[in-house]
Amino acid sequence: MSDTTNNYGDVVNMHGGEKNIGISHGPVVHNDGTAQDAELRAAVAELTRLLQDLRPELTPEQARTVEDVLPALAPDRAALRERGMILASVSQLAATVGEVGRPVVEAVGRLLALLG
């Protein structure tokens, strides 16, 4: 027989103390299943602001495309992953206007990086 103890998963030994609340395993998940993600919210807000700033540089058709895209930009990780084509079209549209669209292209890249 061996004196080795194999523990699988979390092992917590607590002896006494006050207000012990347990182990934190990451971000808080709300009952609706969405995780709090301030960085994602900030990235979506930045992209939205940059798109609104870019609108005067766009053709009327491009501006309508941006108008259609804005409601789809919600700070919801799962929804944004499903709307990957929307993000790609926004990036492509911003690239067509040249240097003035570069901040939007970069913001889309940062957002996609956050989505994994």
N, C-alpha and C. Protein backbone atom coordinates (compact mmCIF):
# COMPACT_ATOMS: atom_id res chain seq x y z
N MET A 1 0.84 -1.17 0.00
CA MET A 1 0.00 0.00 0.00
C MET A 1 0.88 1.23 0.00
N SER A 2 0.42 2.25 -0.65
CA SER A 2 1.18 3.48 -0.80
C SER A 2 0.61 4.58 0.08
N ASP A 3 1.47 5.48 0.51
CA ASP A 3 1.02 6.63 1.28
C ASP A 3 0.63 7.80 0.38
N THR A 4 0.63 7.59 -0.93
CA THR A 4 0.34 8.65 -1.89
C THR A 4 -1.16 8.89 -1.97
N THR A 5 -1.56 10.14 -1.93
CA THR A 5 -2.95 10.51 -2.08
C THR A 5 -3.11 11.20 -3.43
N ASN A 6 -4.00 10.70 -4.24
CA ASN A 6 -4.27 11.31 -5.54
C ASN A 6 -5.54 12.14 -5.42
N ASN A 7 -5.39 13.44 -5.62
CA ASN A 7 -6.54 14.33 -5.57
C ASN A 7 -6.83 14.81 -6.98
N TYR A 8 -8.07 14.72 -7.38
CA TYR A 8 -8.48 15.18 -8.69
C TYR A 8 -9.45 16.34 -8.50
N GLY A 9 -9.13 17.47 -9.06
CA GLY A 9 -9.98 18.64 -8.90
C GLY A 9 -9.52 19.48 -7.73
N ASP A 10 -10.39 20.33 -7.28
CA ASP A 10 -10.06 21.26 -6.19
C ASP A 10 -10.01 20.54 -4.85
N VAL A 11 -8.99 20.83 -4.08
CA VAL A 11 -8.89 20.34 -2.72
C VAL A 11 -8.70 21.56 -1.83
N VAL A 12 -9.59 21.71 -0.87
CA VAL A 12 -9.52 22.86 0.02
C VAL A 12 -9.62 22.35 1.45
N ASN A 13 -8.65 22.72 2.23
CA ASN A 13 -8.66 22.40 3.65
C ASN A 13 -8.74 23.71 4.41
N MET A 14 -9.82 23.88 5.16
CA MET A 14 -9.98 25.11 5.92
C MET A 14 -10.17 24.74 7.37
N HIS A 15 -9.38 25.37 8.21
CA HIS A 15 -9.45 25.11 9.64
C HIS A 15 -9.74 26.43 10.35
N GLY A 16 -10.98 26.63 10.72
CA GLY A 16 -11.35 27.87 11.40
C GLY A 16 -11.52 29.01 10.42
N GLY A 17 -11.37 30.22 10.90
CA GLY A 17 -11.50 31.39 10.06
C GLY A 17 -12.90 31.95 10.09
N GLU A 18 -13.05 33.08 9.46
CA GLU A 18 -14.34 33.74 9.39
C GLU A 18 -14.63 34.18 7.96
N LYS A 19 -15.88 34.17 7.61
CA LYS A 19 -16.35 34.66 6.31
C LYS A 19 -15.63 33.99 5.15
N ASN A 20 -15.40 32.71 5.26
CA ASN A 20 -14.82 31.95 4.16
C ASN A 20 -15.90 31.74 3.11
N ILE A 21 -15.64 32.16 1.89
CA ILE A 21 -16.69 32.13 0.88
C ILE A 21 -16.43 31.14 -0.25
N GLY A 22 -15.31 30.49 -0.29
CA GLY A 22 -15.08 29.49 -1.31
C GLY A 22 -14.02 29.88 -2.31
N ILE A 23 -14.06 29.21 -3.45
CA ILE A 23 -13.05 29.37 -4.49
C ILE A 23 -13.64 30.16 -5.66
N SER A 24 -12.89 31.10 -6.18
CA SER A 24 -13.30 31.84 -7.37
C SER A 24 -12.77 31.12 -8.60
N HIS A 25 -13.65 30.76 -9.50
CA HIS A 25 -13.26 30.07 -10.73
C HIS A 25 -13.41 30.95 -11.96
N GLY A 26 -13.33 32.23 -11.82
CA GLY A 26 -13.39 33.10 -12.99
C GLY A 26 -14.45 34.17 -12.86
N PRO A 27 -14.87 34.73 -14.02
CA PRO A 27 -15.82 35.83 -13.99
C PRO A 27 -17.20 35.41 -13.48
N VAL A 28 -17.93 36.38 -13.00
CA VAL A 28 -19.27 36.13 -12.51
C VAL A 28 -20.17 35.81 -13.69
N VAL A 29 -20.95 34.76 -13.57
CA VAL A 29 -21.91 34.41 -14.62
C VAL A 29 -23.30 34.67 -14.07
N HIS A 30 -24.06 35.46 -14.81
CA HIS A 30 -25.41 35.79 -14.39
C HIS A 30 -26.36 34.67 -14.76
N ASN A 31 -27.55 34.71 -14.22
CA ASN A 31 -28.53 33.66 -14.48
C ASN A 31 -28.87 33.52 -15.95
N ASP A 32 -28.70 34.57 -16.75
CA ASP A 32 -29.02 34.47 -18.17
C ASP A 32 -27.87 33.83 -18.96
N GLY A 33 -26.77 33.45 -18.30
CA GLY A 33 -25.68 32.74 -18.96
C GLY A 33 -24.61 33.63 -19.56
N THR A 34 -24.73 34.93 -19.46
CA THR A 34 -23.71 35.81 -20.02
C THR A 34 -22.71 36.19 -18.95
N ALA A 35 -21.46 36.23 -19.32
CA ALA A 35 -20.40 36.60 -18.38
C ALA A 35 -20.16 38.10 -18.45
N GLN A 36 -19.83 38.66 -17.32
CA GLN A 36 -19.47 40.07 -17.32
C GLN A 36 -18.13 40.20 -18.02
N ASP A 37 -18.05 41.06 -18.97
CA ASP A 37 -16.80 41.21 -19.70
C ASP A 37 -16.64 42.68 -20.08
N ALA A 38 -16.03 43.42 -19.20
CA ALA A 38 -15.87 44.86 -19.41
C ALA A 38 -15.03 45.15 -20.64
N GLU A 39 -14.04 44.32 -20.90
CA GLU A 39 -13.18 44.54 -22.05
C GLU A 39 -13.96 44.40 -23.36
N LEU A 40 -14.85 43.41 -23.42
CA LEU A 40 -15.68 43.22 -24.61
C LEU A 40 -16.63 44.40 -24.79
N ARG A 41 -17.26 44.84 -23.70
CA ARG A 41 -18.17 45.99 -23.78
C ARG A 41 -17.43 47.23 -24.27
N ALA A 42 -16.21 47.43 -23.76
CA ALA A 42 -15.42 48.60 -24.17
C ALA A 42 -15.05 48.51 -25.65
N ALA A 43 -14.71 47.33 -26.12
CA ALA A 43 -14.33 47.15 -27.52
C ALA A 43 -15.53 47.41 -28.44
N VAL A 44 -16.70 46.94 -28.05
CA VAL A 44 -17.91 47.17 -28.86
C VAL A 44 -18.26 48.65 -28.86
N ALA A 45 -18.16 49.30 -27.70
CA ALA A 45 -18.46 50.74 -27.61
C ALA A 45 -17.49 51.54 -28.47
N GLU A 46 -16.20 51.17 -28.44
CA GLU A 46 -15.21 51.87 -29.26
C GLU A 46 -15.51 51.70 -30.75
N LEU A 47 -15.82 50.47 -31.17
CA LEU A 47 -16.13 50.21 -32.57
C LEU A 47 -17.36 51.00 -33.00
N THR A 48 -18.37 51.03 -32.16
CA THR A 48 -19.59 51.78 -32.47
C THR A 48 -19.28 53.26 -32.64
N ARG A 49 -18.49 53.81 -31.73
CA ARG A 49 -18.12 55.23 -31.81
C ARG A 49 -17.32 55.51 -33.09
N LEU A 50 -16.37 54.63 -33.39
CA LEU A 50 -15.54 54.84 -34.59
C LEU A 50 -16.37 54.75 -35.87
N LEU A 51 -17.33 53.83 -35.89
CA LEU A 51 -18.20 53.72 -37.07
C LEU A 51 -19.05 54.98 -37.23
N GLN A 52 -19.54 55.52 -36.14
CA GLN A 52 -20.32 56.75 -36.23
C GLN A 52 -19.46 57.91 -36.70
N ASP A 53 -18.20 57.95 -36.26
CA ASP A 53 -17.28 59.00 -36.70
C ASP A 53 -16.93 58.85 -38.18
N LEU A 54 -16.94 57.63 -38.67
CA LEU A 54 -16.56 57.35 -40.07
C LEU A 54 -17.68 57.67 -41.06
N ARG A 55 -18.90 57.70 -40.61
CA ARG A 55 -20.05 57.86 -41.52
C ARG A 55 -19.96 59.05 -42.48
N PRO A 56 -19.47 60.22 -42.06
CA PRO A 56 -19.39 61.33 -43.01
C PRO A 56 -18.44 61.05 -44.18
N GLU A 57 -17.52 60.12 -44.02
CA GLU A 57 -16.56 59.79 -45.07
C GLU A 57 -17.09 58.76 -46.05
N LEU A 58 -18.26 58.21 -45.78
CA LEU A 58 -18.79 57.10 -46.57
C LEU A 58 -19.77 57.58 -47.63
N THR A 59 -19.94 56.74 -48.65
CA THR A 59 -20.98 56.99 -49.64
C THR A 59 -22.32 56.72 -48.97
N PRO A 60 -23.42 57.21 -49.55
CA PRO A 60 -24.73 56.94 -48.94
C PRO A 60 -25.02 55.44 -48.76
N GLU A 61 -24.60 54.64 -49.73
CA GLU A 61 -24.82 53.19 -49.63
C GLU A 61 -24.00 52.59 -48.48
N GLN A 62 -22.75 53.02 -48.36
CA GLN A 62 -21.91 52.54 -47.27
C GLN A 62 -22.46 52.99 -45.92
N ALA A 63 -22.94 54.22 -45.84
CA ALA A 63 -23.52 54.74 -44.60
C ALA A 63 -24.74 53.92 -44.19
N ARG A 64 -25.56 53.51 -45.18
CA ARG A 64 -26.72 52.66 -44.88
C ARG A 64 -26.27 51.31 -44.33
N THR A 65 -25.19 50.77 -44.89
CA THR A 65 -24.65 49.50 -44.40
C THR A 65 -24.25 49.63 -42.94
N VAL A 66 -23.55 50.73 -42.62
CA VAL A 66 -23.15 50.97 -41.23
C VAL A 66 -24.38 51.10 -40.34
N GLU A 67 -25.39 51.82 -40.82
CA GLU A 67 -26.63 51.97 -40.07
C GLU A 67 -27.28 50.63 -39.76
N ASP A 68 -27.22 49.72 -40.74
CA ASP A 68 -27.80 48.38 -40.57
C ASP A 68 -26.98 47.53 -39.60
N VAL A 69 -25.68 47.76 -39.56
CA VAL A 69 -24.78 46.96 -38.73
C VAL A 69 -24.82 47.38 -37.26
N LEU A 70 -24.97 48.65 -36.99
CA LEU A 70 -24.87 49.15 -35.62
C LEU A 70 -25.76 48.41 -34.61
N PRO A 71 -27.02 48.12 -34.92
CA PRO A 71 -27.84 47.39 -33.93
C PRO A 71 -27.33 45.97 -33.64
N ALA A 72 -26.60 45.39 -34.58
CA ALA A 72 -26.09 44.03 -34.39
C ALA A 72 -24.86 43.98 -33.50
N LEU A 73 -24.26 45.14 -33.22
CA LEU A 73 -23.05 45.19 -32.39
C LEU A 73 -23.43 45.25 -30.92
N ALA A 74 -23.75 44.10 -30.38
CA ALA A 74 -24.09 44.00 -28.96
C ALA A 74 -22.91 43.38 -28.22
N PRO A 75 -22.66 43.80 -26.98
CA PRO A 75 -21.54 43.23 -26.23
C PRO A 75 -21.87 41.83 -25.70
N ASP A 76 -22.24 40.95 -26.60
CA ASP A 76 -22.59 39.58 -26.27
C ASP A 76 -21.67 38.67 -27.08
N ARG A 77 -20.80 37.97 -26.38
CA ARG A 77 -19.77 37.14 -27.00
C ARG A 77 -20.36 36.14 -28.00
N ALA A 78 -21.38 35.41 -27.59
CA ALA A 78 -21.97 34.38 -28.46
C ALA A 78 -22.60 35.02 -29.70
N ALA A 79 -23.32 36.10 -29.50
CA ALA A 79 -23.98 36.77 -30.63
C ALA A 79 -22.95 37.31 -31.62
N LEU A 80 -21.87 37.91 -31.11
CA LEU A 80 -20.85 38.45 -32.01
C LEU A 80 -20.13 37.35 -32.78
N ARG A 81 -19.94 36.20 -32.15
CA ARG A 81 -19.32 35.08 -32.87
C ARG A 81 -20.21 34.64 -34.03
N GLU A 82 -21.52 34.63 -33.80
CA GLU A 82 -22.46 34.26 -34.86
C GLU A 82 -22.48 35.31 -35.97
N ARG A 83 -22.18 36.54 -35.62
CA ARG A 83 -22.24 37.64 -36.57
C ARG A 83 -20.85 37.98 -37.13
N GLY A 84 -20.01 37.00 -37.26
CA GLY A 84 -18.66 37.21 -37.76
C GLY A 84 -18.62 37.85 -39.14
N MET A 85 -19.57 37.49 -39.99
CA MET A 85 -19.62 38.07 -41.34
C MET A 85 -19.91 39.57 -41.27
N ILE A 86 -20.69 39.99 -40.29
CA ILE A 86 -20.98 41.41 -40.13
C ILE A 86 -19.69 42.16 -39.79
N LEU A 87 -18.92 41.59 -38.87
CA LEU A 87 -17.65 42.23 -38.50
C LEU A 87 -16.69 42.27 -39.69
N ALA A 88 -16.68 41.20 -40.47
CA ALA A 88 -15.82 41.17 -41.66
C ALA A 88 -16.24 42.22 -42.67
N SER A 89 -17.54 42.40 -42.86
CA SER A 89 -18.01 43.40 -43.82
C SER A 89 -17.70 44.81 -43.34
N VAL A 90 -17.79 45.03 -42.02
CA VAL A 90 -17.45 46.34 -41.46
C VAL A 90 -15.97 46.64 -41.71
N SER A 91 -15.14 45.66 -41.48
CA SER A 91 -13.71 45.83 -41.67
C SER A 91 -13.39 46.11 -43.14
N GLN A 92 -14.03 45.38 -44.02
CA GLN A 92 -13.82 45.57 -45.46
C GLN A 92 -14.29 46.95 -45.90
N LEU A 93 -15.44 47.36 -45.41
CA LEU A 93 -15.97 48.68 -45.75
C LEU A 93 -15.01 49.77 -45.28
N ALA A 94 -14.51 49.64 -44.06
CA ALA A 94 -13.58 50.65 -43.53
C ALA A 94 -12.28 50.68 -44.32
N ALA A 95 -11.84 49.52 -44.78
CA ALA A 95 -10.59 49.46 -45.55
C ALA A 95 -10.74 50.17 -46.90
N THR A 96 -11.94 50.19 -47.45
CA THR A 96 -12.13 50.81 -48.76
C THR A 96 -11.99 52.33 -48.73
N VAL A 97 -12.17 52.94 -47.56
CA VAL A 97 -12.06 54.40 -47.49
C VAL A 97 -10.65 54.86 -47.16
N GLY A 98 -9.74 53.92 -47.05
CA GLY A 98 -8.32 54.27 -46.89
C GLY A 98 -7.91 54.53 -45.45
N GLU A 99 -6.98 55.43 -45.30
CA GLU A 99 -6.36 55.72 -44.00
C GLU A 99 -7.37 56.16 -42.95
N VAL A 100 -8.40 56.88 -43.37
CA VAL A 100 -9.41 57.36 -42.42
C VAL A 100 -10.19 56.19 -41.80
N GLY A 101 -10.23 55.05 -42.48
CA GLY A 101 -10.93 53.88 -41.97
C GLY A 101 -10.06 52.95 -41.15
N ARG A 102 -8.77 53.24 -41.09
CA ARG A 102 -7.84 52.36 -40.37
C ARG A 102 -8.22 52.12 -38.90
N PRO A 103 -8.64 53.14 -38.14
CA PRO A 103 -9.02 52.88 -36.74
C PRO A 103 -10.16 51.86 -36.62
N VAL A 104 -11.09 51.88 -37.57
CA VAL A 104 -12.19 50.91 -37.54
C VAL A 104 -11.65 49.51 -37.81
N VAL A 105 -10.77 49.37 -38.80
CA VAL A 105 -10.19 48.07 -39.12
C VAL A 105 -9.45 47.52 -37.89
N GLU A 106 -8.69 48.38 -37.23
CA GLU A 106 -7.95 47.96 -36.03
C GLU A 106 -8.90 47.59 -34.89
N ALA A 107 -9.98 48.34 -34.73
CA ALA A 107 -10.96 48.04 -33.66
C ALA A 107 -11.64 46.70 -33.92
N VAL A 108 -11.95 46.42 -35.18
CA VAL A 108 -12.55 45.12 -35.52
C VAL A 108 -11.55 44.01 -35.20
N GLY A 109 -10.29 44.22 -35.51
CA GLY A 109 -9.27 43.24 -35.21
C GLY A 109 -9.15 42.96 -33.72
N ARG A 110 -9.20 44.02 -32.91
CA ARG A 110 -9.14 43.84 -31.46
C ARG A 110 -10.37 43.08 -30.95
N LEU A 111 -11.53 43.40 -31.50
CA LEU A 111 -12.75 42.74 -31.10
C LEU A 111 -12.71 41.25 -31.47
N LEU A 112 -12.25 40.95 -32.67
CA LEU A 112 -12.14 39.55 -33.09
C LEU A 112 -11.14 38.79 -32.21
N ALA A 113 -10.07 39.45 -31.81
CA ALA A 113 -9.08 38.82 -30.94
C ALA A 113 -9.71 38.48 -29.57
N LEU A 114 -10.57 39.37 -29.07
CA LEU A 114 -11.26 39.09 -27.80
C LEU A 114 -12.22 37.92 -27.91
N LEU A 115 -12.80 37.77 -29.09
CA LEU A 115 -13.77 36.67 -29.29
C LEU A 115 -13.07 35.33 -29.46
N GLY A 116 -11.77 35.38 -29.76
CA GLY A 116 -11.00 34.13 -29.87
C GLY A 116 -11.15 33.55 -31.19
